[in-house]
């Protein structure tokens, strides 16, 4: 699929693939994430998640509105996977990735009277991650909680990645197209 227009003209969209869980002797190959199509259905990941049951929590579909919301440009998906690997290594939990984009871009959450809270997601270069990615002690309470920023900085999660969070909407990640070399992130 291609999305044409703007800075990322004619970038190929690809779906964030089903993750490889950290099981058995090949656990180090784990992708470190699960997909969540509807955030209200992804609140039951236990603090002591067992890698054997990892795939029970990969719920990528959001029916009936949009059957799939995990499409992005290839470079962005690659950076999300790199972040997820780091996330799993330091936090021991999957990074729960929520909305990215529709298969051909476009608006998410179109409801009457056509409110578009996810309008920035239509280019396949932004994603939301969920607080359930953090154990219950120290878990951010919402997108505006500065606890997100503390986690990113403490574990240097965004260092050397082409991702940046938004000030005031800390669980919203955006592809920068460049690499963060600052030690602050």
C-alpha atoms as a PDB file:
ATOM      1  CA  UNK A   1       0.000   0.000   0.000  1.00  0.00           C
ATOM      2  CA  UNK A   2       1.216   3.533  -0.656  1.00  0.00           C
ATOM      3  CA  UNK A   3       0.350   6.875   0.812  1.00  0.00           C
ATOM      4  CA  UNK A   4       1.243   9.837  -1.375  1.00  0.00           C
ATOM      5  CA  UNK A   5       1.533  13.417  -0.311  1.00  0.00           C
ATOM      6  CA  UNK A   6       3.478  15.625   2.065  1.00  0.00           C
ATOM      7  CA  UNK A   7       6.892  14.992   3.578  1.00  0.00           C
ATOM      8  CA  UNK A   8       6.528  11.214   3.385  1.00  0.00           C
ATOM      9  CA  UNK A   9       5.375  11.158  -0.241  1.00  0.00           C
ATOM     10  CA  UNK A  10       4.568   7.734  -1.625  1.00  0.00           C
ATOM     11  CA  UNK A  11       5.858   5.826   1.386  1.00  0.00           C
ATOM     12  CA  UNK A  12       4.821   2.196   1.464  1.00  0.00           C
ATOM     13  CA  UNK A  13       2.452   1.326   4.275  1.00  0.00           C
ATOM     14  CA  UNK A  14       2.927  -2.036   5.931  1.00  0.00           C
ATOM     15  CA  UNK A  15       1.119  -3.676   8.788  1.00  0.00           C
ATOM     16  CA  UNK A  16       2.978  -4.031  12.072  1.00  0.00           C
ATOM     17  CA  UNK A  17       3.450  -7.817  12.036  1.00  0.00           C
ATOM     18  CA  UNK A  18       2.299 -10.325  14.608  1.00  0.00           C
ATOM     19  CA  UNK A  19       4.998 -10.205  17.278  1.00  0.00           C
ATOM     20  CA  UNK A  20       7.375 -13.011  18.082  1.00  0.00           C
ATOM     21  CA  UNK A  21       6.918 -13.808  21.795  1.00  0.00           C
ATOM     22  CA  UNK A  22       9.870 -14.295  24.172  1.00  0.00           C
ATOM     23  CA  UNK A  23       9.576 -18.053  24.678  1.00  0.00           C
ATOM     24  CA  UNK A  24      11.951 -20.975  24.773  1.00  0.00           C
ATOM     25  CA  UNK A  25      15.629 -20.840  23.970  1.00  0.00           C
ATOM     26  CA  UNK A  26      15.081 -18.213  21.279  1.00  0.00           C
ATOM     27  CA  UNK A  27      13.550 -15.649  23.667  1.00  0.00           C
ATOM     28  CA  UNK A  28      16.201 -13.086  22.766  1.00  0.00           C
ATOM     29  CA  UNK A  29      14.645 -12.866  19.295  1.00  0.00           C
ATOM     30  CA  UNK A  30      11.414 -11.572  20.842  1.00  0.00           C
ATOM     31  CA  UNK A  31       9.891  -8.476  19.283  1.00  0.00           C
ATOM     32  CA  UNK A  32       8.856  -7.108  22.685  1.00  0.00           C
ATOM     33  CA  UNK A  33       5.390  -5.813  21.827  1.00  0.00           C
ATOM     34  CA  UNK A  34       1.755  -6.733  21.496  1.00  0.00           C
ATOM     35  CA  UNK A  35      -0.804  -4.925  19.366  1.00  0.00           C
ATOM     36  CA  UNK A  36      -4.023  -3.534  20.774  1.00  0.00           C
ATOM     37  CA  UNK A  37      -6.813  -2.502  18.434  1.00  0.00           C
ATOM     38  CA  UNK A  38      -9.105  -1.151  21.135  1.00  0.00           C
ATOM     39  CA  UNK A  39      -7.531   0.136  24.349  1.00  0.00           C
ATOM     40  CA  UNK A  40     -10.504  -0.876  26.519  1.00  0.00           C
ATOM     41  CA  UNK A  41      -9.845  -4.521  25.592  1.00  0.00           C
ATOM     42  CA  UNK A  42      -6.173  -4.444  26.610  1.00  0.00           C
ATOM     43  CA  UNK A  43      -6.330  -3.740  30.327  1.00  0.00           C
ATOM     44  CA  UNK A  44      -5.826  -7.249  31.679  1.00  0.00           C
ATOM     45  CA  UNK A  45      -2.112  -7.864  31.108  1.00  0.00           C
ATOM     46  CA  UNK A  46      -0.816  -9.088  34.485  1.00  0.00           C
ATOM     47  CA  UNK A  47       2.265  -7.565  36.122  1.00  0.00           C
ATOM     48  CA  UNK A  48       3.993 -10.950  36.035  1.00  0.00           C
ATOM     49  CA  UNK A  49       3.159 -11.815  32.426  1.00  0.00           C
ATOM     50  CA  UNK A  50       4.258 -15.307  31.461  1.00  0.00           C
ATOM     51  CA  UNK A  51       5.981 -15.374  28.045  1.00  0.00           C
ATOM     52  CA  UNK A  52       4.177 -18.638  27.291  1.00  0.00           C
ATOM     53  CA  UNK A  53       0.885 -16.715  27.315  1.00  0.00           C
ATOM     54  CA  UNK A  54       2.224 -13.632  25.505  1.00  0.00           C
ATOM     55  CA  UNK A  55       0.089 -14.066  22.384  1.00  0.00           C
ATOM     56  CA  UNK A  56      -3.149 -14.118  24.416  1.00  0.00           C
ATOM     57  CA  UNK A  57      -2.604 -10.374  24.767  1.00  0.00           C
ATOM     58  CA  UNK A  58      -1.951  -9.595  21.100  1.00  0.00           C
ATOM     59  CA  UNK A  59      -5.359  -8.161  20.115  1.00  0.00           C
ATOM     60  CA  UNK A  60      -4.820  -6.154  16.938  1.00  0.00           C
ATOM     61  CA  UNK A  61      -8.393  -5.847  15.718  1.00  0.00           C
ATOM     62  CA  UNK A  62     -10.859  -3.082  16.480  1.00  0.00           C
ATOM     63  CA  UNK A  63     -14.275  -4.236  15.340  1.00  0.00           C
ATOM     64  CA  UNK A  64     -16.545  -2.982  13.925  1.00  0.00           C
ATOM     65  CA  UNK A  65     -15.141   0.510  13.327  1.00  0.00           C
ATOM     66  CA  UNK A  66     -11.764  -0.341  11.826  1.00  0.00           C
ATOM     67  CA  UNK A  67     -10.736  -3.965  11.608  1.00  0.00           C
ATOM     68  CA  UNK A  68      -7.060  -3.034  11.618  1.00  0.00           C
ATOM     69  CA  UNK A  69      -5.262   0.067  12.890  1.00  0.00           C
ATOM     70  CA  UNK A  70      -1.608  -1.019  12.912  1.00  0.00           C
ATOM     71  CA  UNK A  71      -0.446   0.239   9.531  1.00  0.00           C
ATOM     72  CA  UNK A  72       2.433   2.653   9.141  1.00  0.00           C
ATOM     73  CA  UNK A  73       5.323   3.475   6.892  1.00  0.00           C
ATOM     74  CA  UNK A  74       7.996   0.796   7.018  1.00  0.00           C
ATOM     75  CA  UNK A  75      10.643   2.992   8.687  1.00  0.00           C
ATOM     76  CA  UNK A  76       8.260   3.934  11.483  1.00  0.00           C
ATOM     77  CA  UNK A  77       7.226   0.322  12.134  1.00  0.00           C
ATOM     78  CA  UNK A  78      10.900  -0.643  12.257  1.00  0.00           C
ATOM     79  CA  UNK A  79      11.594   2.043  14.875  1.00  0.00           C
ATOM     80  CA  UNK A  80       8.605   0.886  16.945  1.00  0.00           C
ATOM     81  CA  UNK A  81       9.958  -2.669  16.919  1.00  0.00           C
ATOM     82  CA  UNK A  82      13.395  -1.400  17.981  1.00  0.00           C
ATOM     83  CA  UNK A  83      11.771   0.539  20.844  1.00  0.00           C
ATOM     84  CA  UNK A  84       9.747  -2.532  21.856  1.00  0.00           C
ATOM     85  CA  UNK A  85      12.891  -4.675  22.067  1.00  0.00           C
ATOM     86  CA  UNK A  86      14.544  -2.097  24.336  1.00  0.00           C
ATOM     87  CA  UNK A  87      11.318  -1.756  26.340  1.00  0.00           C
ATOM     88  CA  UNK A  88      11.113  -5.495  26.967  1.00  0.00           C
ATOM     89  CA  UNK A  89      14.818  -5.718  27.875  1.00  0.00           C
ATOM     90  CA  UNK A  90      14.619  -3.016  30.566  1.00  0.00           C
ATOM     91  CA  UNK A  91      11.017  -3.293  31.804  1.00  0.00           C
ATOM     92  CA  UNK A  92      10.347  -7.011  31.257  1.00  0.00           C
ATOM     93  CA  UNK A  93       6.915  -6.295  29.781  1.00  0.00           C
ATOM     94  CA  UNK A  94       5.556  -5.985  26.285  1.00  0.00           C
ATOM     95  CA  UNK A  95       5.149  -2.523  24.798  1.00  0.00           C
ATOM     96  CA  UNK A  96       1.404  -2.329  24.084  1.00  0.00           C
ATOM     97  CA  UNK A  97       0.991  -0.509  20.771  1.00  0.00           C
ATOM     98  CA  UNK A  98      -2.441   0.959  20.118  1.00  0.00           C
ATOM     99  CA  UNK A  99      -3.474   3.080  17.121  1.00  0.00           C
ATOM    100  CA  UNK A 100      -1.068   3.765  14.250  1.00  0.00           C
ATOM    101  CA  UNK A 101      -3.055   4.225  11.024  1.00  0.00           C
ATOM    102  CA  UNK A 102      -5.479   2.550   8.638  1.00  0.00           C
ATOM    103  CA  UNK A 103      -4.129   0.497   5.706  1.00  0.00           C
ATOM    104  CA  UNK A 104      -4.227   3.468   3.302  1.00  0.00           C
ATOM    105  CA  UNK A 105      -4.031   6.247   5.856  1.00  0.00           C
ATOM    106  CA  UNK A 106      -7.092   8.365   6.467  1.00  0.00           C
ATOM    107  CA  UNK A 107      -9.047   9.271   9.572  1.00  0.00           C
ATOM    108  CA  UNK A 108      -9.479   7.127  12.664  1.00  0.00           C
ATOM    109  CA  UNK A 109     -12.406   7.491  15.047  1.00  0.00           C
ATOM    110  CA  UNK A 110     -14.831   9.167  12.662  1.00  0.00           C
ATOM    111  CA  UNK A 111     -17.999   9.555  14.665  1.00  0.00           C
ATOM    112  CA  UNK A 112     -20.860  11.944  14.270  1.00  0.00           C
ATOM    113  CA  UNK A 113     -20.381  14.924  14.380  1.00  0.00           C
ATOM    114  CA  UNK A 114     -17.101  13.908  12.690  1.00  0.00           C
ATOM    115  CA  UNK A 115     -14.736  14.464  15.575  1.00  0.00           C
ATOM    116  CA  UNK A 116     -11.239  13.309  14.741  1.00  0.00           C
ATOM    117  CA  UNK A 117      -9.109  12.914  17.868  1.00  0.00           C
ATOM    118  CA  UNK A 118      -6.616  10.804  15.915  1.00  0.00           C
ATOM    119  CA  UNK A 119      -6.287  13.051  12.861  1.00  0.00           C
ATOM    120  CA  UNK A 120      -2.501  13.113  13.215  1.00  0.00           C
ATOM    121  CA  UNK A 121      -2.366   9.329  12.681  1.00  0.00           C
ATOM    122  CA  UNK A 122      -3.360   9.356   9.039  1.00  0.00           C
ATOM    123  CA  UNK A 123       0.194   9.408   7.623  1.00  0.00           C
ATOM    124  CA  UNK A 124       1.384   6.229   9.342  1.00  0.00           C
ATOM    125  CA  UNK A 125       4.097   8.025  11.343  1.00  0.00           C
ATOM    126  CA  UNK A 126       2.470   8.219  14.795  1.00  0.00           C
ATOM    127  CA  UNK A 127       1.347   5.663  17.365  1.00  0.00           C
ATOM    128  CA  UNK A 128      -0.141   5.513  20.825  1.00  0.00           C
ATOM    129  CA  UNK A 129       1.262   3.212  23.471  1.00  0.00           C
ATOM    130  CA  UNK A 130      -0.747   2.170  26.496  1.00  0.00           C
ATOM    131  CA  UNK A 131       0.012   2.548  30.199  1.00  0.00           C
ATOM    132  CA  UNK A 132      -0.486  -1.204  30.668  1.00  0.00           C
ATOM    133  CA  UNK A 133       3.037  -1.446  29.169  1.00  0.00           C
ATOM    134  CA  UNK A 134       4.297  -0.527  32.663  1.00  0.00           C
ATOM    135  CA  UNK A 135       3.731  -2.612  35.808  1.00  0.00           C
ATOM    136  CA  UNK A 136       0.987  -1.287  38.081  1.00  0.00           C
ATOM    137  CA  UNK A 137       3.445   0.315  40.539  1.00  0.00           C
ATOM    138  CA  UNK A 138       4.672   3.405  38.684  1.00  0.00           C
ATOM    139  CA  UNK A 139       2.211   3.049  35.801  1.00  0.00           C
ATOM    140  CA  UNK A 140       1.271   6.333  34.082  1.00  0.00           C
ATOM    141  CA  UNK A 141      -2.370   7.192  34.724  1.00  0.00           C
ATOM    142  CA  UNK A 142      -2.994   8.678  31.283  1.00  0.00           C
ATOM    143  CA  UNK A 143      -1.394  10.354  28.278  1.00  0.00           C
ATOM    144  CA  UNK A 144      -0.686  13.608  30.150  1.00  0.00           C
ATOM    145  CA  UNK A 145       1.077  11.917  33.087  1.00  0.00           C
ATOM    146  CA  UNK A 146       4.741  13.006  33.254  1.00  0.00           C
ATOM    147  CA  UNK A 147       5.590   9.492  34.483  1.00  0.00           C
ATOM    148  CA  UNK A 148       5.927   8.566  30.768  1.00  0.00           C
ATOM    149  CA  UNK A 149       8.711  11.108  30.342  1.00  0.00           C
ATOM    150  CA  UNK A 150      10.473   9.832  33.473  1.00  0.00           C
ATOM    151  CA  UNK A 151      10.414   6.270  32.115  1.00  0.00           C
ATOM    152  CA  UNK A 152      11.751   7.329  28.695  1.00  0.00           C
ATOM    153  CA  UNK A 153      14.595   9.287  30.301  1.00  0.00           C
ATOM    154  CA  UNK A 154      15.482   6.860  33.116  1.00  0.00           C
ATOM    155  CA  UNK A 155      15.874   3.895  30.747  1.00  0.00           C
ATOM    156  CA  UNK A 156      17.051   5.958  27.732  1.00  0.00           C
ATOM    157  CA  UNK A 157      14.332   4.273  25.696  1.00  0.00           C
ATOM    158  CA  UNK A 158      14.199   6.778  22.850  1.00  0.00           C
ATOM    159  CA  UNK A 159      17.962   7.246  22.609  1.00  0.00           C
ATOM    160  CA  UNK A 160      19.296   6.395  19.152  1.00  0.00           C
ATOM    161  CA  UNK A 161      15.809   5.920  17.742  1.00  0.00           C
ATOM    162  CA  UNK A 162      13.903   8.027  15.239  1.00  0.00           C
ATOM    163  CA  UNK A 163      10.993   8.502  17.645  1.00  0.00           C
ATOM    164  CA  UNK A 164       9.888  11.381  19.839  1.00  0.00           C
ATOM    165  CA  UNK A 165       7.037  11.815  22.305  1.00  0.00           C
ATOM    166  CA  UNK A 166       4.747  14.822  22.300  1.00  0.00           C
ATOM    167  CA  UNK A 167       4.912  17.274  25.207  1.00  0.00           C
ATOM    168  CA  UNK A 168       1.678  16.913  27.179  1.00  0.00           C
ATOM    169  CA  UNK A 169       0.668  13.738  25.293  1.00  0.00           C
ATOM    170  CA  UNK A 170       3.521  11.534  26.416  1.00  0.00           C
ATOM    171  CA  UNK A 171       2.214   8.185  25.207  1.00  0.00           C
ATOM    172  CA  UNK A 172       1.919   9.527  21.657  1.00  0.00           C
ATOM    173  CA  UNK A 173       5.049   8.704  19.650  1.00  0.00           C
ATOM    174  CA  UNK A 174       5.984  10.313  16.343  1.00  0.00           C
ATOM    175  CA  UNK A 175       8.511   9.247  13.724  1.00  0.00           C
ATOM    176  CA  UNK A 176      11.134  11.958  13.345  1.00  0.00           C
ATOM    177  CA  UNK A 177      12.975  10.525  10.371  1.00  0.00           C
ATOM    178  CA  UNK A 178      16.253  11.088  12.227  1.00  0.00           C
ATOM    179  CA  UNK A 179      18.051   9.516  15.155  1.00  0.00           C
ATOM    180  CA  UNK A 180      17.930  10.951  18.687  1.00  0.00           C
ATOM    181  CA  UNK A 181      21.506  11.139  19.961  1.00  0.00           C
ATOM    182  CA  UNK A 182      20.725  13.218  23.039  1.00  0.00           C
ATOM    183  CA  UNK A 183      21.239  11.395  26.312  1.00  0.00           C
ATOM    184  CA  UNK A 184      18.162  13.169  27.684  1.00  0.00           C
ATOM    185  CA  UNK A 185      15.885  10.796  25.791  1.00  0.00           C
END
